[in-house]
Amino acid sequence: MPWPVSTPFRMRPNLEKLDPESPALLLRDEQFDAYRLLRKDVFASRAERACVGDANCEVLKAIAMLVPSPAARERVRVRAVVPPTNAPSEFGLSSFRRVSVCDANSAALTPALSRAAGEGANVALELQEDFVILKSESDTLRVEYLSVCFPSRWDPREKLGLDFAAIHAPVADNQMLLAAGSSIMTMAFMKQPMLRHVWLIVPSASLDQHPEQNDYSWSETLKDPSPLLPRLFFRVERQTTWPLPQFGRAVFFIRVMMSPLADVLAQAPARARALREALASMTPAVVSYRGMAAALPRLLAETNEL
């Protein structure tokens, strides 16, 4: 579990370059089966908000070729072909086979999943990451497709067709993000795979924290006067970017990781202090944006006691 907490807390890009020869775009661990079952449940019951837009078949196949298991690649029915002689080899993509015609077959899914989720669901079921496909248009990239089963209090349906500035317009204290928008898009989505981490303190262990879910409530959590920290969770989004200029597109991967907050803090004696300092440095706008205004005094008091 990463620990990306720093002080002072600011809404920054915080991008790191990934090794272009071996881009660690995806992670798979012992919890893969649990993630897959949860994702399948989302597709079966609320796919209309988890699979949004029309996925480009070439990009789906490129993503599928990142899946580590040959059996998994077979399940998504990917047919690899020899790349054209002029195919670019930037970003370490030479290590992945190029694919051409769209032969992703949703027959592996139940009929209900096929109708609701389409071809993108076959690929998504073999990942622990959510993913977003962005299409190059003029001097920007716009969201073309979203496979997002585990959003952090945002609705994927509202992001379709938006560019970087529009996506981040609702974010509190977004001045640095918007000012760096052009350079972020050029570097992270057109030139170089990159990595960033975003962390949250949340009162629910659910991976799916869509705004329509009912189990995410600070107000209900705060009604209980017992210690707050043992009932909270540390949520980290590991976000990676993958430029695919040969397809005029890029992919944004989001890997959600959850752990009880008390367990995360117990891993190092300085973490409680670091968290308290980061929380105390948040601006009122950020605290409000994250829904923690009522919880912050108790968070600061309890972390001060550790």
C-alpha atoms as a PDB file:
ATOM      1  CA  MET A   1       0.000   0.000   0.000  1.00  0.00           C
ATOM      2  CA  PRO A   2       1.665   3.297  -1.056  1.00  0.00           C
ATOM      3  CA  TRP A   3       1.988   6.130   1.437  1.00  0.00           C
ATOM      4  CA  PRO A   4       1.791   9.304  -0.711  1.00  0.00           C
ATOM      5  CA  VAL A   5       0.995  11.663   2.186  1.00  0.00           C
ATOM      6  CA  SER A   6       3.027  14.896   2.158  1.00  0.00           C
ATOM      7  CA  THR A   7       2.890  18.319   3.765  1.00  0.00           C
ATOM      8  CA  PRO A   8       1.694  20.868   2.909  1.00  0.00           C
ATOM      9  CA  PHE A   9      -1.183  19.206   1.107  1.00  0.00           C
ATOM     10  CA  ARG A  10      -1.842  20.813  -2.267  1.00  0.00           C
ATOM     11  CA  MET A  11      -3.717  19.762  -5.387  1.00  0.00           C
ATOM     12  CA  ARG A  12      -0.644  19.106  -7.525  1.00  0.00           C
ATOM     13  CA  PRO A  13       0.010  16.907 -10.573  1.00  0.00           C
ATOM     14  CA  ASN A  14       2.809  15.009  -8.699  1.00  0.00           C
ATOM     15  CA  LEU A  15       3.684  12.987 -11.796  1.00  0.00           C
ATOM     16  CA  GLU A  16       6.581  10.527 -11.939  1.00  0.00           C
ATOM     17  CA  LYS A  17       8.016   9.054 -15.107  1.00  0.00           C
ATOM     18  CA  LEU A  18       7.638   5.338 -15.625  1.00  0.00           C
ATOM     19  CA  ASP A  19      10.456   3.368 -17.215  1.00  0.00           C
ATOM     20  CA  PRO A  20       9.581   3.483 -20.938  1.00  0.00           C
ATOM     21  CA  GLU A  21      11.222   0.103 -21.522  1.00  0.00           C
ATOM     22  CA  SER A  22       9.148  -1.661 -18.881  1.00  0.00           C
ATOM     23  CA  PRO A  23       6.134   0.454 -18.008  1.00  0.00           C
ATOM     24  CA  ALA A  24       4.502  -0.814 -14.826  1.00  0.00           C
ATOM     25  CA  LEU A  25       1.105   0.310 -16.030  1.00  0.00           C
ATOM     26  CA  LEU A  26      -0.890  -2.436 -14.344  1.00  0.00           C
ATOM     27  CA  LEU A  27      -0.684  -4.246 -11.030  1.00  0.00           C
ATOM     28  CA  ARG A  28      -2.063  -7.670 -10.208  1.00  0.00           C
ATOM     29  CA  ASP A  29      -1.965  -9.143  -6.714  1.00  0.00           C
ATOM     30  CA  GLU A  30      -3.589 -11.855  -4.633  1.00  0.00           C
ATOM     31  CA  GLN A  31      -6.819  -9.845  -4.465  1.00  0.00           C
ATOM     32  CA  PHE A  32      -7.423 -10.093  -8.219  1.00  0.00           C
ATOM     33  CA  ASP A  33     -10.269 -12.615  -7.920  1.00  0.00           C
ATOM     34  CA  ALA A  34     -12.081 -10.428  -5.396  1.00  0.00           C
ATOM     35  CA  TYR A  35     -11.744  -7.382  -7.662  1.00  0.00           C
ATOM     36  CA  ARG A  36     -13.034  -9.397 -10.614  1.00  0.00           C
ATOM     37  CA  LEU A  37     -16.124 -10.550  -8.716  1.00  0.00           C
ATOM     38  CA  LEU A  38     -16.903  -7.006  -7.597  1.00  0.00           C
ATOM     39  CA  ARG A  39     -16.429  -5.666 -11.117  1.00  0.00           C
ATOM     40  CA  LYS A  40     -18.668  -8.365 -12.550  1.00  0.00           C
ATOM     41  CA  ASP A  41     -21.343  -7.430 -10.029  1.00  0.00           C
ATOM     42  CA  VAL A  42     -21.138  -3.794 -11.112  1.00  0.00           C
ATOM     43  CA  PHE A  43     -21.470  -4.755 -14.774  1.00  0.00           C
ATOM     44  CA  ALA A  44     -24.448  -6.979 -14.016  1.00  0.00           C
ATOM     45  CA  SER A  45     -26.364  -4.487 -11.887  1.00  0.00           C
ATOM     46  CA  ARG A  46     -25.304  -0.984 -12.930  1.00  0.00           C
ATOM     47  CA  ALA A  47     -23.265  -1.255 -16.132  1.00  0.00           C
ATOM     48  CA  GLU A  48     -24.864   1.858 -17.627  1.00  0.00           C
ATOM     49  CA  ARG A  49     -22.832   4.006 -15.227  1.00  0.00           C
ATOM     50  CA  ALA A  50     -19.645   1.887 -15.353  1.00  0.00           C
ATOM     51  CA  CYS A  51     -19.175   1.442 -19.133  1.00  0.00           C
ATOM     52  CA  VAL A  52     -19.722   4.783 -20.822  1.00  0.00           C
ATOM     53  CA  GLY A  53     -19.086   5.696 -24.463  1.00  0.00           C
ATOM     54  CA  ASP A  54     -17.736   3.676 -27.391  1.00  0.00           C
ATOM     55  CA  ALA A  55     -14.420   1.905 -26.854  1.00  0.00           C
ATOM     56  CA  ASN A  56     -11.899   1.875 -29.702  1.00  0.00           C
ATOM     57  CA  CYS A  57     -11.261  -1.765 -30.582  1.00  0.00           C
ATOM     58  CA  GLU A  58      -7.561  -1.294 -31.357  1.00  0.00           C
ATOM     59  CA  VAL A  59      -7.001   0.291 -27.961  1.00  0.00           C
ATOM     60  CA  LEU A  60      -8.965  -2.447 -26.195  1.00  0.00           C
ATOM     61  CA  LYS A  61      -6.734  -5.045 -27.792  1.00  0.00           C
ATOM     62  CA  ALA A  62      -3.584  -3.139 -26.853  1.00  0.00           C
ATOM     63  CA  ILE A  63      -4.796  -3.039 -23.251  1.00  0.00           C
ATOM     64  CA  ALA A  64      -5.620  -6.738 -23.370  1.00  0.00           C
ATOM     65  CA  MET A  65      -2.046  -7.506 -24.411  1.00  0.00           C
ATOM     66  CA  LEU A  66      -0.883  -6.032 -21.095  1.00  0.00           C
ATOM     67  CA  VAL A  67      -2.782  -8.712 -19.193  1.00  0.00           C
ATOM     68  CA  PRO A  68      -0.111 -11.038 -17.738  1.00  0.00           C
ATOM     69  CA  SER A  69      -1.977 -14.318 -18.156  1.00  0.00           C
ATOM     70  CA  PRO A  70      -2.105 -16.003 -21.605  1.00  0.00           C
ATOM     71  CA  ALA A  71      -5.352 -17.648 -20.544  1.00  0.00           C
ATOM     72  CA  ALA A  72      -6.787 -14.257 -19.700  1.00  0.00           C
ATOM     73  CA  ARG A  73      -5.774 -12.895 -23.087  1.00  0.00           C
ATOM     74  CA  GLU A  74      -7.551 -15.818 -24.687  1.00  0.00           C
ATOM     75  CA  ARG A  75     -10.654 -15.023 -22.711  1.00  0.00           C
ATOM     76  CA  VAL A  76     -10.821 -11.564 -24.234  1.00  0.00           C
ATOM     77  CA  ARG A  77     -10.415 -13.104 -27.699  1.00  0.00           C
ATOM     78  CA  VAL A  78      -7.470 -11.037 -28.848  1.00  0.00           C
ATOM     79  CA  ARG A  79      -5.908 -11.935 -32.196  1.00  0.00           C
ATOM     80  CA  ALA A  80      -2.384 -10.554 -32.538  1.00  0.00           C
ATOM     81  CA  VAL A  81      -0.942  -9.608 -35.905  1.00  0.00           C
ATOM     82  CA  VAL A  82       2.478  -8.559 -37.165  1.00  0.00           C
ATOM     83  CA  PRO A  83       2.850  -4.773 -36.797  1.00  0.00           C
ATOM     84  CA  PRO A  84       3.365  -2.696 -39.926  1.00  0.00           C
ATOM     85  CA  THR A  85       6.969  -1.852 -40.710  1.00  0.00           C
ATOM     86  CA  ASN A  86       6.389   1.811 -39.923  1.00  0.00           C
ATOM     87  CA  ALA A  87       4.748   1.155 -36.543  1.00  0.00           C
ATOM     88  CA  PRO A  88       6.256   3.438 -33.893  1.00  0.00           C
ATOM     89  CA  SER A  89       8.251   1.854 -31.099  1.00  0.00           C
ATOM     90  CA  GLU A  90       8.133   4.676 -28.560  1.00  0.00           C
ATOM     91  CA  PHE A  91       7.335   4.197 -24.900  1.00  0.00           C
ATOM     92  CA  GLY A  92       8.551   0.604 -24.851  1.00  0.00           C
ATOM     93  CA  LEU A  93       5.562  -0.458 -26.923  1.00  0.00           C
ATOM     94  CA  SER A  94       7.802  -2.681 -29.022  1.00  0.00           C
ATOM     95  CA  SER A  95       7.495  -5.241 -26.242  1.00  0.00           C
ATOM     96  CA  PHE A  96       3.768  -5.523 -26.894  1.00  0.00           C
ATOM     97  CA  ARG A  97       2.258  -7.085 -29.981  1.00  0.00           C
ATOM     98  CA  ARG A  98       0.281  -4.732 -32.216  1.00  0.00           C
ATOM     99  CA  VAL A  99      -3.269  -5.733 -33.068  1.00  0.00           C
ATOM    100  CA  SER A 100      -5.494  -4.767 -35.944  1.00  0.00           C
ATOM    101  CA  VAL A 101      -9.093  -5.727 -36.643  1.00  0.00           C
ATOM    102  CA  CYS A 102     -11.635  -5.644 -33.851  1.00  0.00           C
ATOM    103  CA  ASP A 103     -12.316  -9.242 -32.968  1.00  0.00           C
ATOM    104  CA  ALA A 104     -12.973  -8.776 -29.254  1.00  0.00           C
ATOM    105  CA  ASN A 105     -15.890 -11.075 -28.597  1.00  0.00           C
ATOM    106  CA  SER A 106     -18.308 -10.495 -25.748  1.00  0.00           C
ATOM    107  CA  ALA A 107     -19.520 -14.096 -25.862  1.00  0.00           C
ATOM    108  CA  ALA A 108     -17.478 -14.792 -22.727  1.00  0.00           C
ATOM    109  CA  LEU A 109     -19.928 -12.620 -20.824  1.00  0.00           C
ATOM    110  CA  THR A 110     -23.441 -13.476 -19.796  1.00  0.00           C
ATOM    111  CA  PRO A 111     -26.112 -12.111 -22.183  1.00  0.00           C
ATOM    112  CA  ALA A 112     -26.987  -9.388 -19.694  1.00  0.00           C
ATOM    113  CA  LEU A 113     -23.365  -8.266 -19.464  1.00  0.00           C
ATOM    114  CA  SER A 114     -22.963  -8.361 -23.240  1.00  0.00           C
ATOM    115  CA  ARG A 115     -25.908  -6.060 -23.808  1.00  0.00           C
ATOM    116  CA  ALA A 116     -25.074  -3.626 -21.040  1.00  0.00           C
ATOM    117  CA  ALA A 117     -21.310  -3.468 -21.006  1.00  0.00           C
ATOM    118  CA  GLY A 118     -20.182  -4.423 -24.510  1.00  0.00           C
ATOM    119  CA  GLU A 119     -16.721  -5.428 -25.619  1.00  0.00           C
ATOM    120  CA  GLY A 120     -14.909  -3.241 -23.089  1.00  0.00           C
ATOM    121  CA  ALA A 121     -16.193  -5.382 -20.233  1.00  0.00           C
ATOM    122  CA  ASN A 122     -14.268  -8.434 -21.455  1.00  0.00           C
ATOM    123  CA  VAL A 123     -11.012  -6.534 -21.092  1.00  0.00           C
ATOM    124  CA  ALA A 124     -12.060  -4.866 -17.846  1.00  0.00           C
ATOM    125  CA  LEU A 125     -12.799  -8.198 -16.182  1.00  0.00           C
ATOM    126  CA  GLU A 126      -9.136  -9.181 -16.586  1.00  0.00           C
ATOM    127  CA  LEU A 127      -7.815  -6.042 -14.872  1.00  0.00           C
ATOM    128  CA  GLN A 128      -7.744  -4.725 -11.340  1.00  0.00           C
ATOM    129  CA  GLU A 129      -7.638  -1.242 -12.841  1.00  0.00           C
ATOM    130  CA  ASP A 130     -10.432   0.931 -14.130  1.00  0.00           C
ATOM    131  CA  PHE A 131      -9.493   2.662 -17.362  1.00  0.00           C
ATOM    132  CA  VAL A 132     -10.385   5.674 -19.471  1.00  0.00           C
ATOM    133  CA  ILE A 133      -9.664   6.021 -23.200  1.00  0.00           C
ATOM    134  CA  LEU A 134      -8.936   9.534 -24.457  1.00  0.00           C
ATOM    135  CA  LYS A 135      -9.024  10.532 -28.123  1.00  0.00           C
ATOM    136  CA  SER A 136      -6.755  13.145 -29.671  1.00  0.00           C
ATOM    137  CA  GLU A 137      -8.690  16.070 -31.139  1.00  0.00           C
ATOM    138  CA  SER A 138      -6.884  19.167 -32.408  1.00  0.00           C
ATOM    139  CA  ASP A 139      -4.730  20.360 -29.505  1.00  0.00           C
ATOM    140  CA  THR A 140      -6.408  18.369 -26.767  1.00  0.00           C
ATOM    141  CA  LEU A 141      -7.597  14.940 -25.679  1.00  0.00           C
ATOM    142  CA  ARG A 142     -11.231  14.176 -24.950  1.00  0.00           C
ATOM    143  CA  VAL A 143     -12.728  11.303 -23.007  1.00  0.00           C
ATOM    144  CA  GLU A 144     -14.020   8.742 -25.500  1.00  0.00           C
ATOM    145  CA  TYR A 145     -14.771   5.781 -23.231  1.00  0.00           C
ATOM    146  CA  LEU A 146     -14.780   4.982 -19.515  1.00  0.00           C
ATOM    147  CA  SER A 147     -14.701   1.598 -17.826  1.00  0.00           C
ATOM    148  CA  VAL A 148     -14.902   2.765 -14.219  1.00  0.00           C
ATOM    149  CA  CYS A 149     -16.463   0.426 -11.680  1.00  0.00           C
ATOM    150  CA  PHE A 150     -14.784   1.933  -8.607  1.00  0.00           C
ATOM    151  CA  PRO A 151     -15.069   5.744  -8.791  1.00  0.00           C
ATOM    152  CA  SER A 152     -14.217   7.927  -5.802  1.00  0.00           C
ATOM    153  CA  ARG A 153     -17.443   9.895  -5.453  1.00  0.00           C
ATOM    154  CA  TRP A 154     -17.759  10.929  -9.107  1.00  0.00           C
ATOM    155  CA  ASP A 155     -20.028   9.792 -11.925  1.00  0.00           C
ATOM    156  CA  PRO A 156     -18.265   8.469 -15.063  1.00  0.00           C
ATOM    157  CA  ARG A 157     -21.270   9.461 -17.162  1.00  0.00           C
ATOM    158  CA  GLU A 158     -20.524  13.130 -16.470  1.00  0.00           C
ATOM    159  CA  LYS A 159     -16.964  12.908 -17.861  1.00  0.00           C
ATOM    160  CA  LEU A 160     -17.707  11.592 -21.373  1.00  0.00           C
ATOM    161  CA  GLY A 161     -16.548  14.012 -24.056  1.00  0.00           C
ATOM    162  CA  LEU A 162     -14.701  16.320 -21.655  1.00  0.00           C
ATOM    163  CA  ASP A 163     -11.123  17.537 -21.967  1.00  0.00           C
ATOM    164  CA  PHE A 164      -8.572  17.978 -19.155  1.00  0.00           C
ATOM    165  CA  ALA A 165      -9.732  21.429 -18.067  1.00  0.00           C
ATOM    166  CA  ALA A 166     -13.401  20.460 -17.987  1.00  0.00           C
ATOM    167  CA  ILE A 167     -12.706  17.237 -16.073  1.00  0.00           C
ATOM    168  CA  HIS A 168     -10.828  19.088 -13.340  1.00  0.00           C
ATOM    169  CA  ALA A 169     -13.047  22.175 -13.202  1.00  0.00           C
ATOM    170  CA  PRO A 170     -14.977  20.937 -10.120  1.00  0.00           C
ATOM    171  CA  VAL A 171     -11.778  20.094  -8.173  1.00  0.00           C
ATOM    172  CA  ALA A 172     -11.049  22.399  -5.242  1.00  0.00           C
ATOM    173  CA  ASP A 173      -7.889  24.538  -5.428  1.00  0.00           C
ATOM    174  CA  ASN A 174      -7.356  23.377  -8.997  1.00  0.00           C
ATOM    175  CA  GLN A 175      -5.237  26.334 -10.098  1.00  0.00           C
ATOM    176  CA  MET A 176      -1.974  24.369 -10.249  1.00  0.00           C
ATOM    177  CA  LEU A 177      -3.625  21.472 -12.049  1.00  0.00           C
ATOM    178  CA  LEU A 178      -5.237  23.711 -14.659  1.00  0.00           C
ATOM    179  CA  ALA A 179      -2.088  25.806 -15.140  1.00  0.00           C
ATOM    180  CA  ALA A 180      -0.109  22.634 -15.830  1.00  0.00           C
ATOM    181  CA  GLY A 181      -2.862  21.120 -17.951  1.00  0.00           C
ATOM    182  CA  SER A 182      -1.225  21.602 -21.327  1.00  0.00           C
ATOM    183  CA  SER A 183       2.154  20.239 -20.254  1.00  0.00           C
ATOM    184  CA  ILE A 184       0.503  17.326 -18.418  1.00  0.00           C
ATOM    185  CA  MET A 185      -1.469  16.347 -21.501  1.00  0.00           C
ATOM    186  CA  THR A 186       1.585  16.595 -23.742  1.00  0.00           C
ATOM    187  CA  MET A 187       3.957  14.677 -21.503  1.00  0.00           C
ATOM    188  CA  ALA A 188       1.764  12.099 -19.764  1.00  0.00           C
ATOM    189  CA  PHE A 189      -0.724  11.321 -22.509  1.00  0.00           C
ATOM    190  CA  MET A 190       1.271  11.920 -25.694  1.00  0.00           C
ATOM    191  CA  LYS A 191       4.938  11.246 -24.917  1.00  0.00           C
ATOM    192  CA  GLN A 192       5.731   9.313 -21.750  1.00  0.00           C
ATOM    193  CA  PRO A 193       3.970   6.833 -19.440  1.00  0.00           C
ATOM    194  CA  MET A 194       3.637   8.433 -16.027  1.00  0.00           C
ATOM    195  CA  LEU A 195       2.469   7.639 -12.511  1.00  0.00           C
ATOM    196  CA  ARG A 196       0.800   9.530  -9.679  1.00  0.00           C
ATOM    197  CA  HIS A 197      -0.957   8.640  -6.433  1.00  0.00           C
ATOM    198  CA  VAL A 198      -4.030  10.276  -4.922  1.00  0.00           C
ATOM    199  CA  TRP A 199      -5.051   9.497  -1.338  1.00  0.00           C
ATOM    200  CA  LEU A 200      -8.294   9.880   0.572  1.00  0.00           C
ATOM    201  CA  ILE A 201      -9.638   9.171   4.062  1.00  0.00           C
ATOM    202  CA  VAL A 202     -13.080   7.579   3.695  1.00  0.00           C
ATOM    203  CA  PRO A 203     -15.705   6.072   6.019  1.00  0.00           C
ATOM    204  CA  SER A 204     -16.517   3.143   3.725  1.00  0.00           C
ATOM    205  CA  ALA A 205     -14.553   0.062   2.698  1.00  0.00           C
ATOM    206  CA  SER A 206     -16.393  -0.191  -0.633  1.00  0.00           C
ATOM    207  CA  LEU A 207     -14.292  -0.028  -3.769  1.00  0.00           C
ATOM    208  CA  ASP A 208     -17.327   1.316  -5.624  1.00  0.00           C
ATOM    209  CA  GLN A 209     -17.935   4.749  -4.115  1.00  0.00           C
ATOM    210  CA  HIS A 210     -20.188   6.125  -6.815  1.00  0.00           C
ATOM    211  CA  PRO A 211     -22.275   9.124  -5.641  1.00  0.00           C
ATOM    212  CA  GLU A 212     -25.415   7.003  -5.949  1.00  0.00           C
ATOM    213  CA  GLN A 213     -24.156   4.453  -3.414  1.00  0.00           C
ATOM    214  CA  ASN A 214     -25.726   4.674   0.025  1.00  0.00           C
ATOM    215  CA  ASP A 215     -22.943   3.268   2.213  1.00  0.00           C
ATOM    216  CA  TYR A 216     -20.659   6.307   2.039  1.00  0.00           C
ATOM    217  CA  SER A 217     -21.752   8.827   4.667  1.00  0.00           C
ATOM    218  CA  TRP A 218     -19.584  10.964   6.901  1.00  0.00           C
ATOM    219  CA  SER A 219     -22.695  12.242   8.680  1.00  0.00           C
ATOM    220  CA  GLU A 220     -23.807   8.732   9.657  1.00  0.00           C
ATOM    221  CA  THR A 221     -20.271   7.780  10.675  1.00  0.00           C
ATOM    222  CA  LEU A 222     -19.912  10.838  12.912  1.00  0.00           C
ATOM    223  CA  LYS A 223     -23.126  10.068  14.801  1.00  0.00           C
ATOM    224  CA  ASP A 224     -21.211   7.315  16.573  1.00  0.00           C
ATOM    225  CA  PRO A 225     -19.213   8.918  19.430  1.00  0.00           C
ATOM    226  CA  SER A 226     -16.737   6.017  19.631  1.00  0.00           C
ATOM    227  CA  PRO A 227     -13.181   6.553  18.323  1.00  0.00           C
ATOM    228  CA  LEU A 228     -13.293   7.510  14.673  1.00  0.00           C
ATOM    229  CA  LEU A 229      -9.934   6.340  13.298  1.00  0.00           C
ATOM    230  CA  PRO A 230     -10.579   2.583  13.783  1.00  0.00           C
ATOM    231  CA  ARG A 231     -13.692   2.914  11.615  1.00  0.00           C
ATOM    232  CA  LEU A 232     -12.054   4.742   8.698  1.00  0.00           C
ATOM    233  CA  PHE A 233     -10.204   3.580   5.595  1.00  0.00           C
ATOM    234  CA  PHE A 234      -7.185   4.791   3.657  1.00  0.00           C
ATOM    235  CA  ARG A 235      -7.996   4.869  -0.066  1.00  0.00           C
ATOM    236  CA  VAL A 236      -5.251   5.302  -2.643  1.00  0.00           C
ATOM    237  CA  GLU A 237      -5.674   5.681  -6.377  1.00  0.00           C
ATOM    238  CA  ARG A 238      -2.606   4.581  -8.339  1.00  0.00           C
ATOM    239  CA  GLN A 239      -3.030   6.441 -11.626  1.00  0.00           C
ATOM    240  CA  THR A 240      -0.943   5.680 -14.711  1.00  0.00           C
ATOM    241  CA  THR A 241      -0.974   7.074 -18.236  1.00  0.00           C
ATOM    242  CA  TRP A 242      -0.202   5.246 -21.476  1.00  0.00           C
ATOM    243  CA  PRO A 243       0.246   7.200 -24.720  1.00  0.00           C
ATOM    244  CA  LEU A 244      -0.858   5.309 -27.853  1.00  0.00           C
ATOM    245  CA  PRO A 245      -0.074   7.791 -30.650  1.00  0.00           C
ATOM    246  CA  GLN A 246      -0.323   5.090 -33.320  1.00  0.00           C
ATOM    247  CA  PHE A 247      -4.052   4.993 -32.548  1.00  0.00           C
ATOM    248  CA  GLY A 248      -4.459   8.721 -31.911  1.00  0.00           C
ATOM    249  CA  ARG A 249      -5.371   7.940 -28.317  1.00  0.00           C
ATOM    250  CA  ALA A 250      -4.122   7.494 -24.755  1.00  0.00           C
ATOM    251  CA  VAL A 251      -5.235   5.412 -21.786  1.00  0.00           C
ATOM    252  CA  PHE A 252      -5.598   6.476 -18.172  1.00  0.00           C
ATOM    253  CA  PHE A 253      -5.538   3.582 -15.678  1.00  0.00           C
ATOM    254  CA  ILE A 254      -6.888   3.892 -12.119  1.00  0.00           C
ATOM    255  CA  ARG A 255      -6.036   1.226  -9.563  1.00  0.00           C
ATOM    256  CA  VAL A 256      -7.943   1.666  -6.299  1.00  0.00           C
ATOM    257  CA  MET A 257      -6.375   0.268  -3.124  1.00  0.00           C
ATOM    258  CA  MET A 258      -8.085   0.170   0.273  1.00  0.00           C
ATOM    259  CA  SER A 259      -6.870  -0.574   3.781  1.00  0.00           C
ATOM    260  CA  PRO A 260      -8.133   0.167   7.300  1.00  0.00           C
ATOM    261  CA  LEU A 261      -6.627   3.500   8.294  1.00  0.00           C
ATOM    262  CA  ALA A 262      -5.446   2.157  11.656  1.00  0.00           C
ATOM    263  CA  ASP A 263      -3.466  -0.590   9.917  1.00  0.00           C
ATOM    264  CA  VAL A 264      -1.791   1.891   7.573  1.00  0.00           C
ATOM    265  CA  LEU A 265      -0.837   4.220  10.421  1.00  0.00           C
ATOM    266  CA  ALA A 266       0.553   1.337  12.478  1.00  0.00           C
ATOM    267  CA  GLN A 267       3.118   0.476   9.796  1.00  0.00           C
ATOM    268  CA  ALA A 268       5.406   3.362  10.810  1.00  0.00           C
ATOM    269  CA  PRO A 269       5.466   5.458  14.005  1.00  0.00           C
ATOM    270  CA  ALA A 270       5.709   8.786  12.150  1.00  0.00           C
ATOM    271  CA  ARG A 271       2.660   8.244   9.973  1.00  0.00           C
ATOM    272  CA  ALA A 272       0.048   9.547  12.408  1.00  0.00           C
ATOM    273  CA  ARG A 273       1.929  12.823  12.763  1.00  0.00           C
ATOM    274  CA  ALA A 274       2.455  13.082   9.003  1.00  0.00           C
ATOM    275  CA  LEU A 275      -1.246  12.529   8.394  1.00  0.00           C
ATOM    276  CA  ARG A 276      -2.243  15.082  11.014  1.00  0.00           C
ATOM    277  CA  GLU A 277       0.080  17.700   9.495  1.00  0.00           C
ATOM    278  CA  ALA A 278      -1.223  17.006   5.997  1.00  0.00           C
ATOM    279  CA  LEU A 279      -4.848  17.258   7.129  1.00  0.00           C
ATOM    280  CA  ALA A 280      -4.136  20.469   9.042  1.00  0.00           C
ATOM    281  CA  SER A 281      -2.529  22.003   5.938  1.00  0.00           C
ATOM    282  CA  MET A 282      -5.566  21.407   3.724  1.00  0.00           C
ATOM    283  CA  THR A 283      -7.396  24.552   2.685  1.00  0.00           C
ATOM    284  CA  PRO A 284     -11.058  24.904   3.665  1.00  0.00           C
ATOM    285  CA  ALA A 285     -11.983  24.444   0.003  1.00  0.00           C
ATOM    286  CA  VAL A 286     -10.221  21.065  -0.163  1.00  0.00           C
ATOM    287  CA  VAL A 287     -11.682  19.908   3.155  1.00  0.00           C
ATOM    288  CA  SER A 288     -15.160  20.806   1.917  1.00  0.00           C
ATOM    289  CA  TYR A 289     -14.568  19.213  -1.509  1.00  0.00           C
ATOM    290  CA  ARG A 290     -13.598  15.963   0.203  1.00  0.00           C
ATOM    291  CA  GLY A 291     -16.630  16.106   2.477  1.00  0.00           C
ATOM    292  CA  MET A 292     -14.530  16.120   5.642  1.00  0.00           C
ATOM    293  CA  ALA A 293     -15.460  19.484   7.182  1.00  0.00           C
ATOM    294  CA  ALA A 294     -17.412  17.963  10.061  1.00  0.00           C
ATOM    295  CA  ALA A 295     -14.925  15.125  10.542  1.00  0.00           C
ATOM    296  CA  LEU A 296     -11.701  17.157  10.514  1.00  0.00           C
ATOM    297  CA  PRO A 297     -11.664  18.247  14.198  1.00  0.00           C
ATOM    298  CA  ARG A 298     -12.014  14.627  15.351  1.00  0.00           C
ATOM    299  CA  LEU A 299      -9.425  13.433  12.860  1.00  0.00           C
ATOM    300  CA  LEU A 300      -6.911  15.995  14.091  1.00  0.00           C
ATOM    301  CA  ALA A 301      -7.617  15.235  17.758  1.00  0.00           C
ATOM    302  CA  GLU A 302      -7.365  11.457  17.399  1.00  0.00           C
ATOM    303  CA  THR A 303      -4.202  11.505  15.282  1.00  0.00           C
ATOM    304  CA  ASN A 304      -2.654  13.797  17.899  1.00  0.00           C
ATOM    305  CA  GLU A 305      -3.227  11.097  20.518  1.00  0.00           C
ATOM    306  CA  LEU A 306      -1.309   8.395  18.601  1.00  0.00           C
END
